[in-house]
Amino acid sequence: MDRDEFEKVVQEVFDSLPPQFHATIDNVHIVVEELPASRSNSRKGIRSGGMLLGLYEGIPLTKRGVDYGMYPVVPDRITLFRQNIQAVSRDDHDLRATIRETLIHEIGHYYGMSETEIRRAGY
């Protein structure tokens, strides 16, 4: 699947998430990149040979003070890594499921959940 088609699937999957996600997500940009930079893997504790499927970068809701948004703020960023997601997906149905799981996982970080909390929730 080429990048344009992958980005369309990401948008479709995001649009299909429950309404409470859409109602509470603010100032987040979702982007697709081919592969993570090697520094992203080491920074997130991914061992050599591991695959990073997504990455949240920003200020989680639980860390935002009352003054958040009172001045210009760069949007938080959720990055999905196309080649890694495709590598772990068996077919188009599995690809959509992997994108959905990865998006929900990274949105969990946006909400302030730790890696352990997200994994306990099944993502």
Protein backbone atom coordinates (compact mmCIF):
# COMPACT_ATOMS: atom_id res chain seq x y z
CA MET A 1 0.00 0.00 0.00
CA ASP A 2 1.45 3.37 -0.97
CA ARG A 3 1.68 6.29 1.42
CA ASP A 4 -1.38 8.17 0.12
CA GLU A 5 -3.60 5.11 0.51
CA PHE A 6 -2.13 4.41 3.95
CA GLU A 7 -2.89 7.99 5.05
CA LYS A 8 -6.49 7.59 3.85
CA VAL A 9 -6.83 4.41 5.91
CA VAL A 10 -5.39 6.21 8.96
CA GLN A 11 -8.00 8.95 8.54
CA GLU A 12 -10.80 6.40 8.13
CA VAL A 13 -9.67 4.54 11.25
CA PHE A 14 -9.38 7.77 13.24
CA ASP A 15 -12.85 8.85 12.09
CA SER A 16 -14.25 5.49 13.24
CA LEU A 17 -13.00 5.87 16.82
CA PRO A 18 -15.69 6.38 19.48
CA PRO A 19 -17.11 9.92 19.72
CA GLN A 20 -15.56 10.55 23.17
CA PHE A 21 -12.10 10.47 21.56
CA HIS A 22 -13.08 13.15 19.06
CA ALA A 23 -14.76 15.27 21.73
CA THR A 24 -11.70 15.36 23.99
CA ILE A 25 -8.73 15.42 21.63
CA ASP A 26 -7.47 18.94 21.07
CA ASN A 27 -4.35 20.37 19.44
CA VAL A 28 -3.01 17.01 18.18
CA HIS A 29 -1.59 16.45 14.73
CA ILE A 30 -1.52 12.87 13.39
CA VAL A 31 1.21 12.26 10.85
CA VAL A 32 2.58 9.31 8.91
CA GLU A 33 6.29 8.74 8.49
CA GLU A 34 8.00 5.85 6.76
CA LEU A 35 10.27 4.74 9.61
CA PRO A 36 11.33 6.14 12.98
CA ALA A 37 14.70 7.81 13.28
CA SER A 38 17.09 5.54 15.16
CA ARG A 39 17.15 8.05 18.02
CA SER A 40 13.38 7.57 18.45
CA ASN A 41 13.89 3.87 19.10
CA SER A 42 16.63 4.38 21.66
CA ARG A 43 14.79 7.27 23.33
CA LYS A 44 11.67 5.12 23.79
CA GLY A 45 13.61 2.10 25.08
CA ILE A 46 13.10 -0.02 21.95
CA ARG A 47 15.82 -2.61 21.76
CA SER A 48 17.68 -3.34 18.56
CA GLY A 49 15.40 -5.37 16.32
CA GLY A 50 12.24 -4.02 17.98
CA MET A 51 9.67 -2.11 15.96
CA LEU A 52 8.21 1.21 16.95
CA LEU A 53 4.75 1.48 15.38
CA GLY A 54 3.75 4.86 16.75
CA LEU A 55 5.04 7.72 18.85
CA TYR A 56 3.30 10.42 20.91
CA GLU A 57 5.17 13.67 21.44
CA GLY A 58 3.69 16.55 23.35
CA ILE A 59 2.24 17.63 26.66
CA PRO A 60 -0.23 15.05 28.01
CA LEU A 61 -3.55 16.36 29.28
CA THR A 62 -2.56 15.47 32.85
CA LYS A 63 0.49 17.76 32.61
CA ARG A 64 -1.21 20.80 31.13
CA GLY A 65 -1.57 23.70 33.51
CA VAL A 66 -4.38 26.22 33.65
CA ASP A 67 -2.38 28.52 31.40
CA TYR A 68 -2.14 25.93 28.59
CA GLY A 69 -3.49 27.51 25.44
CA MET A 70 -3.20 31.06 26.74
CA TYR A 71 -0.26 31.48 24.39
CA PRO A 72 0.54 29.85 21.05
CA VAL A 73 1.29 26.16 21.54
CA VAL A 74 2.78 23.81 18.97
CA PRO A 75 0.36 20.91 18.44
CA ASP A 76 1.10 17.57 20.06
CA ARG A 77 2.06 14.95 17.53
CA ILE A 78 1.13 11.32 17.03
CA THR A 79 3.32 9.69 14.41
CA LEU A 80 2.48 6.36 12.80
CA PHE A 81 5.34 4.52 11.10
CA ARG A 82 3.98 3.10 7.86
CA GLN A 83 6.66 0.55 7.01
CA ASN A 84 6.72 -0.93 10.52
CA ILE A 85 2.92 -1.17 10.69
CA GLN A 86 2.81 -2.83 7.29
CA ALA A 87 5.59 -5.23 8.30
CA VAL A 88 3.57 -6.59 11.26
CA SER A 89 0.25 -6.73 9.36
CA ARG A 90 -0.77 -9.87 7.47
CA ASP A 91 -3.46 -8.30 5.28
CA ASP A 92 -5.59 -5.16 4.89
CA HIS A 93 -7.94 -6.15 7.71
CA ASP A 94 -4.99 -6.72 10.06
CA LEU A 95 -3.43 -3.44 8.88
CA ARG A 96 -6.57 -1.51 9.90
CA ALA A 97 -6.61 -3.28 13.27
CA THR A 98 -2.93 -2.47 13.85
CA ILE A 99 -3.47 1.19 12.92
CA ARG A 100 -6.47 1.36 15.28
CA GLU A 101 -4.58 -0.26 18.15
CA THR A 102 -1.55 1.97 17.60
CA LEU A 103 -3.68 5.13 17.43
CA ILE A 104 -5.52 4.22 20.63
CA HIS A 105 -2.21 3.40 22.31
CA GLU A 106 -0.72 6.79 21.41
CA ILE A 107 -3.94 8.60 22.34
CA GLY A 108 -3.60 6.89 25.73
CA HIS A 109 -0.26 8.69 26.14
CA TYR A 110 -1.98 11.95 25.16
CA TYR A 111 -4.45 11.33 28.02
CA GLY A 112 -1.49 10.89 30.36
CA MET A 113 -1.47 7.11 30.65
CA SER A 114 1.84 5.35 31.23
CA GLU A 115 3.05 2.52 29.02
CA THR A 116 2.09 0.06 31.77
CA GLU A 117 -1.44 1.47 32.08
CA ILE A 118 -1.97 1.34 28.35
CA ARG A 119 -0.73 -2.25 28.13
CA ARG A 120 -3.03 -3.24 31.02
CA ALA A 121 -5.92 -1.74 29.05
CA GLY A 122 -5.02 -4.03 26.14
CA TYR A 123 -3.17 -1.64 23.87
